[in-house]
Amino acid sequence: MRVLVVYNPTAGRRRLDRLRRFLDVLRSHGVEVLVSPTRHAGHAPELVRAAAGEGFTHVIAAGGDGTIGEVAAGLMDWPFVERPILGILPLGTANVLAHEIGVAFRPDRNAASLLAGRVAMLHPGLLQAGGQTRLFLQMAGVGFDAQVVHRLSLPLKRRIGRSAYAVQSCREVGRYPFPVLDVTLDGQRHAAFGVIVSKGRYYGGRYTIAPDATPHAPGFSVTLLDRGGAVFATKAALALLADRGGALGGTRRIRAQRIEVASSMPVPVQCDGDPAGHTPAVMTAAMESLRVIV
């Protein structure tokens, strides 16, 4: 077993301590480990691609959902027969995918899962927006939630964690215009004020928004917001925090394979909690799957 660990060195001391405990367990079992820190956003895929042909059996994303997505994107560029298994050491703010697939948060248990070789399949999505194609593992959004992501203060996020999203939502709810979106699901047109395309059940942590979604099979669960405005956005946020997002009124949930979103003005798009340009946007299934340690 040869393992590449990609991590963000700007993580706090407690998170780096968790990384060290994880590495200690692997090395105590004779695992060869190479640790590669990222230097900037978008560096993780470069590190993973550069490791091709080096004999790695596993690549571990040590970080949050953004780091995991970048590492996964790098792995998708490997030929499938040579592609290492993805591992996840959750060190982020929301850790949505880790909650979704049941990854162990304790470093020793996480390392034990890797050593035991328990593997599941992930079926990612592809988002085309802003002139780029991005891989997503958990969800993509168009509308108010993406506006919050685009405007989020990263220093504030580092200081107060997930609470930063609540603070930014309060700032944006009075100034976001809630334009109507033209949404096409597998050829059928719909109007909505917001769209959340889910690969998994959870949103923003362990808050359920799409009970029928699974990252282990192709396809998406699409939540259409039939109402707009500050009052409904506030109600929706409160319902999500109370874990009632999957039963929120004023929404529709539809299964789809291809999602197209257009609008009369540029509307923000987010992908696994990171800014991803503006409309128009198209979401489809990736052509290949990933193996992941669970």
Protein backbone atom coordinates (compact mmCIF):
# COMPACT_ATOMS: atom_id res chain seq x y z
CA MET A 1 0.00 0.00 0.00
CA ARG A 2 1.38 3.40 -1.01
CA VAL A 3 -0.59 6.48 0.03
CA LEU A 4 -0.54 10.10 -1.11
CA VAL A 5 -2.08 12.57 1.36
CA VAL A 6 -3.08 15.97 -0.02
CA TYR A 7 -3.90 18.58 2.63
CA ASN A 8 -4.33 22.31 3.09
CA PRO A 9 -1.58 23.67 5.40
CA THR A 10 -3.70 26.70 6.35
CA ALA A 11 -5.88 24.45 8.53
CA GLY A 12 -5.80 25.22 12.25
CA ARG A 13 -3.51 23.48 14.73
CA ARG A 14 -6.22 21.12 16.00
CA ARG A 15 -6.90 19.91 12.48
CA LEU A 16 -3.22 19.38 11.78
CA ASP A 17 -2.96 17.38 15.01
CA ARG A 18 -5.71 15.11 13.67
CA LEU A 19 -3.74 14.69 10.46
CA ARG A 20 -0.62 13.72 12.43
CA ARG A 21 -2.55 11.09 14.42
CA PHE A 22 -3.91 9.65 11.17
CA LEU A 23 -0.42 9.45 9.67
CA ASP A 24 1.02 7.87 12.84
CA VAL A 25 -1.46 4.99 12.61
CA LEU A 26 -0.69 4.32 8.95
CA ARG A 27 3.07 4.44 9.45
CA SER A 28 2.85 2.19 12.50
CA HIS A 29 1.36 -0.43 10.15
CA GLY A 30 4.19 -0.06 7.65
CA VAL A 31 2.27 2.01 5.10
CA GLU A 32 4.40 4.19 2.84
CA VAL A 33 2.97 7.72 3.00
CA LEU A 34 3.82 10.87 1.05
CA VAL A 35 2.29 14.12 2.30
CA SER A 36 1.78 16.94 -0.21
CA PRO A 37 0.51 20.33 1.05
CA THR A 38 -1.45 22.58 -1.29
CA ARG A 39 -0.15 26.07 -1.96
CA HIS A 40 -3.20 27.73 -3.49
CA ALA A 41 -6.75 27.04 -4.66
CA GLY A 42 -6.70 24.61 -7.56
CA HIS A 43 -3.33 23.13 -6.56
CA ALA A 44 -4.73 19.79 -5.31
CA PRO A 45 -5.69 18.49 -8.79
CA GLU A 46 -2.19 19.38 -10.02
CA LEU A 47 -0.60 17.38 -7.19
CA VAL A 48 -2.82 14.38 -7.89
CA ARG A 49 -2.21 14.46 -11.64
CA ALA A 50 1.55 14.77 -11.09
CA ALA A 51 1.47 11.59 -8.97
CA ALA A 52 0.31 9.45 -11.90
CA GLY A 53 2.67 6.55 -12.52
CA GLU A 54 4.19 6.76 -9.02
CA GLY A 55 2.55 3.59 -7.77
CA PHE A 56 0.04 5.11 -5.34
CA THR A 57 -2.79 2.79 -4.33
CA HIS A 58 -4.71 5.47 -2.40
CA VAL A 59 -4.99 9.26 -2.45
CA ILE A 60 -6.31 10.87 0.75
CA ALA A 61 -8.02 14.26 0.69
CA ALA A 62 -7.32 15.74 4.13
CA GLY A 63 -9.56 18.78 4.32
CA GLY A 64 -13.08 20.00 3.66
CA ASP A 65 -15.48 19.47 0.79
CA GLY A 66 -13.54 21.83 -1.47
CA THR A 67 -10.28 19.90 -1.02
CA ILE A 68 -12.10 16.58 -1.52
CA GLY A 69 -13.64 17.84 -4.75
CA GLU A 70 -10.30 19.03 -6.09
CA VAL A 71 -8.58 15.73 -5.26
CA ALA A 72 -11.44 13.81 -6.89
CA ALA A 73 -11.15 15.98 -10.01
CA GLY A 74 -7.46 15.12 -10.24
CA LEU A 75 -8.18 11.41 -9.85
CA MET A 76 -10.74 11.48 -12.66
CA ASP A 77 -7.90 12.36 -15.05
CA TRP A 78 -6.21 9.00 -14.31
CA PRO A 79 -7.12 5.99 -16.49
CA PHE A 80 -9.76 4.02 -14.60
CA VAL A 81 -7.65 0.84 -14.34
CA GLU A 82 -4.79 2.82 -12.75
CA ARG A 83 -6.89 5.18 -10.62
CA PRO A 84 -6.08 5.03 -6.89
CA ILE A 85 -8.83 4.71 -4.30
CA LEU A 86 -10.02 8.00 -2.81
CA GLY A 87 -9.80 8.41 0.96
CA ILE A 88 -11.29 11.24 3.01
CA LEU A 89 -9.96 12.62 6.30
CA PRO A 90 -12.58 15.26 7.25
CA LEU A 91 -10.88 18.48 8.35
CA GLY A 92 -13.30 21.05 6.93
CA THR A 93 -16.18 23.20 8.12
CA ALA A 94 -19.27 21.30 6.92
CA ASN A 95 -17.77 17.96 5.81
CA VAL A 96 -20.98 17.15 3.93
CA LEU A 97 -19.67 14.23 1.87
CA ALA A 98 -17.99 12.63 4.89
CA HIS A 99 -21.30 12.70 6.79
CA GLU A 100 -23.12 11.42 3.71
CA ILE A 101 -21.07 8.26 3.17
CA GLY A 102 -20.31 7.56 6.83
CA VAL A 103 -16.59 8.33 6.90
CA ALA A 104 -15.01 8.05 10.36
CA PHE A 105 -14.06 11.43 11.85
CA ARG A 106 -11.69 10.06 14.49
CA PRO A 107 -8.22 9.79 12.90
CA ASP A 108 -7.50 6.32 14.31
CA ARG A 109 -10.81 4.90 13.10
CA ASN A 110 -10.40 6.61 9.74
CA ALA A 111 -6.98 5.02 9.31
CA ALA A 112 -8.43 1.66 10.38
CA SER A 113 -11.05 1.91 7.62
CA LEU A 114 -8.30 2.54 5.09
CA LEU A 115 -6.31 -0.45 6.32
CA ALA A 116 -9.43 -2.64 6.25
CA GLY A 117 -10.08 -1.75 2.61
CA ARG A 118 -13.82 -1.02 2.85
CA VAL A 119 -14.74 0.58 -0.48
CA ALA A 120 -17.87 2.08 -2.08
CA MET A 121 -18.47 3.67 -5.47
CA LEU A 122 -19.10 7.37 -6.03
CA HIS A 123 -20.87 8.64 -9.16
CA PRO A 124 -19.93 12.34 -9.48
CA GLY A 125 -21.68 15.08 -11.40
CA LEU A 126 -20.26 17.57 -13.87
CA LEU A 127 -21.15 21.26 -13.81
CA GLN A 128 -20.61 23.52 -16.81
CA ALA A 129 -20.83 27.20 -15.89
CA GLY A 130 -18.72 30.32 -16.16
CA GLY A 131 -16.77 28.86 -19.07
CA GLN A 132 -15.47 25.95 -16.97
CA THR A 133 -16.38 22.33 -16.27
CA ARG A 134 -16.20 21.28 -12.62
CA LEU A 135 -16.67 17.96 -10.88
CA PHE A 136 -19.07 17.84 -7.94
CA LEU A 137 -19.60 15.04 -5.44
CA GLN A 138 -22.44 16.28 -3.23
CA MET A 139 -24.43 19.14 -4.73
CA ALA A 140 -24.58 22.21 -6.93
CA GLY A 141 -26.86 25.21 -6.49
CA VAL A 142 -28.17 28.15 -8.49
CA GLY A 143 -29.74 31.18 -6.84
CA PHE A 144 -29.74 32.55 -3.31
CA ASP A 145 -27.56 29.85 -1.73
CA ALA A 146 -24.95 30.37 -4.43
CA GLN A 147 -25.09 34.14 -3.82
CA VAL A 148 -24.21 33.49 -0.17
CA VAL A 149 -21.30 31.26 -1.21
CA HIS A 150 -19.99 33.85 -3.68
CA ARG A 151 -20.08 36.66 -1.11
CA LEU A 152 -18.88 34.64 1.92
CA SER A 153 -15.97 36.13 3.85
CA LEU A 154 -13.27 33.46 4.08
CA PRO A 155 -11.59 35.09 7.13
CA LEU A 156 -14.99 35.06 8.86
CA LYS A 157 -15.47 31.40 7.90
CA ARG A 158 -12.09 30.55 9.40
CA ARG A 159 -13.02 32.35 12.63
CA ILE A 160 -16.56 31.11 13.26
CA GLY A 161 -16.98 28.09 10.95
CA ARG A 162 -20.45 27.23 9.65
CA SER A 163 -21.97 30.22 11.45
CA ALA A 164 -20.38 32.40 8.77
CA TYR A 165 -22.98 31.12 6.30
CA ALA A 166 -25.80 32.28 8.57
CA VAL A 167 -24.19 35.70 8.93
CA GLN A 168 -23.74 36.04 5.17
CA SER A 169 -27.30 34.83 4.52
CA CYS A 170 -28.61 37.65 6.70
CA ARG A 171 -26.54 40.11 4.70
CA GLU A 172 -27.71 38.82 1.32
CA VAL A 173 -31.39 38.12 1.94
CA GLY A 174 -32.37 41.77 1.61
CA ARG A 175 -30.36 42.51 -1.50
CA TYR A 176 -30.59 39.35 -3.63
CA PRO A 177 -33.23 40.01 -6.36
CA PHE A 178 -34.63 36.41 -6.60
CA PRO A 179 -34.97 36.33 -10.42
CA VAL A 180 -37.01 33.57 -12.04
CA LEU A 181 -34.89 30.74 -13.43
CA ASP A 182 -35.69 28.77 -16.59
CA VAL A 183 -34.92 25.17 -15.59
CA THR A 184 -34.95 22.24 -18.01
CA LEU A 185 -34.93 18.73 -16.49
CA ASP A 186 -34.43 15.96 -19.04
CA GLY A 187 -36.12 18.12 -21.66
CA GLN A 188 -39.03 19.31 -19.49
CA ARG A 189 -39.12 23.03 -18.70
CA HIS A 190 -39.90 24.45 -15.26
CA ALA A 191 -39.80 27.89 -13.64
CA ALA A 192 -38.18 28.27 -10.23
CA PHE A 193 -36.54 30.86 -7.98
CA GLY A 194 -33.72 28.52 -6.97
CA VAL A 195 -32.31 25.13 -7.85
CA ILE A 196 -30.34 22.67 -5.73
CA VAL A 197 -28.99 19.63 -7.57
CA SER A 198 -28.13 16.89 -5.06
CA LYS A 199 -25.98 13.80 -5.31
CA GLY A 200 -26.57 13.07 -1.60
CA ARG A 201 -29.17 13.63 1.11
CA TYR A 202 -27.32 16.29 3.05
CA TYR A 203 -26.76 20.02 2.64
CA GLY A 204 -24.41 22.21 4.71
CA GLY A 205 -23.51 19.43 7.14
CA ARG A 206 -26.05 16.82 8.29
CA TYR A 207 -29.16 18.76 7.24
CA THR A 208 -31.42 16.65 5.02
CA ILE A 209 -32.64 18.29 1.81
CA ALA A 210 -32.99 15.35 -0.62
CA PRO A 211 -33.93 12.10 1.16
CA ASP A 212 -34.04 10.19 -2.15
CA ALA A 213 -30.52 11.16 -3.27
CA THR A 214 -27.46 8.90 -3.16
CA PRO A 215 -23.89 9.49 -4.35
CA HIS A 216 -23.53 5.75 -4.98
CA ALA A 217 -25.72 5.69 -8.10
CA PRO A 218 -26.02 7.83 -11.25
CA GLY A 219 -28.57 10.64 -11.45
CA PHE A 220 -29.63 13.60 -9.35
CA SER A 221 -32.36 14.71 -7.01
CA VAL A 222 -33.33 18.25 -8.03
CA THR A 223 -35.04 20.59 -5.57
CA LEU A 224 -36.89 23.47 -7.24
CA LEU A 225 -37.83 26.47 -5.10
CA ASP A 226 -41.25 27.64 -6.26
CA ARG A 227 -41.22 30.76 -4.10
CA GLY A 228 -38.78 33.63 -3.88
CA GLY A 229 -38.21 36.59 -1.62
CA ALA A 230 -36.65 37.24 1.76
CA VAL A 231 -39.49 35.74 3.83
CA PHE A 232 -39.46 32.38 2.05
CA ALA A 233 -35.64 32.23 2.03
CA THR A 234 -35.65 32.76 5.80
CA LYS A 235 -38.30 30.07 6.31
CA ALA A 236 -36.36 27.67 4.12
CA ALA A 237 -33.15 28.26 6.09
CA LEU A 238 -34.92 27.70 9.41
CA ALA A 239 -36.55 24.51 8.10
CA LEU A 240 -33.18 23.22 6.96
CA LEU A 241 -31.58 23.95 10.33
CA ALA A 242 -34.46 22.08 12.00
CA ASP A 243 -33.72 19.16 9.62
CA ARG A 244 -37.07 19.62 7.87
CA GLY A 245 -35.59 20.71 4.55
CA GLY A 246 -36.76 17.53 2.83
CA ALA A 247 -40.40 18.35 3.66
CA LEU A 248 -40.33 22.11 3.04
CA GLY A 249 -43.46 23.56 1.41
CA GLY A 250 -43.08 25.68 -1.71
CA THR A 251 -40.61 23.24 -3.23
CA ARG A 252 -40.64 20.36 -5.69
CA ARG A 253 -38.20 17.46 -5.80
CA ILE A 254 -37.68 15.76 -9.17
CA ARG A 255 -35.26 13.06 -10.31
CA ALA A 256 -33.24 13.98 -13.40
CA GLN A 257 -30.17 13.05 -15.42
CA ARG A 258 -29.55 16.39 -17.15
CA ILE A 259 -30.25 19.82 -15.68
CA GLU A 260 -30.04 23.10 -17.60
CA VAL A 261 -30.53 26.48 -15.93
CA ALA A 262 -30.87 29.79 -17.78
CA SER A 263 -31.92 33.25 -16.63
CA SER A 264 -32.51 36.76 -17.91
CA MET A 265 -29.60 38.04 -15.81
CA PRO A 266 -26.40 36.35 -14.55
CA VAL A 267 -27.27 34.34 -11.43
CA PRO A 268 -24.58 32.86 -9.14
CA VAL A 269 -23.79 29.15 -9.24
CA GLN A 270 -22.06 27.13 -6.52
CA CYS A 271 -20.51 23.68 -6.61
CA ASP A 272 -19.91 21.68 -3.39
CA GLY A 273 -19.92 24.94 -1.45
CA ASP A 274 -17.48 26.84 -3.68
CA PRO A 275 -18.24 29.65 -6.18
CA ALA A 276 -18.67 28.27 -9.71
CA GLY A 277 -19.47 31.19 -12.00
CA HIS A 278 -22.91 32.31 -13.16
CA THR A 279 -25.74 31.09 -15.34
CA PRO A 280 -26.23 29.57 -17.82
CA ALA A 281 -25.36 26.25 -16.20
CA VAL A 282 -25.61 22.61 -17.22
CA MET A 283 -25.29 19.61 -14.89
CA THR A 284 -24.79 16.04 -16.10
CA ALA A 285 -23.34 12.78 -14.80
CA ALA A 286 -19.60 12.15 -15.06
CA MET A 287 -18.72 9.34 -17.45
CA GLU A 288 -16.80 7.32 -14.84
CA SER A 289 -17.04 6.54 -11.13
CA LEU A 290 -14.61 6.73 -8.21
CA ARG A 291 -13.80 4.18 -5.52
CA VAL A 292 -13.84 5.65 -2.03
CA ILE A 293 -12.91 4.31 1.41
CA VAL A 294 -15.87 4.16 3.83
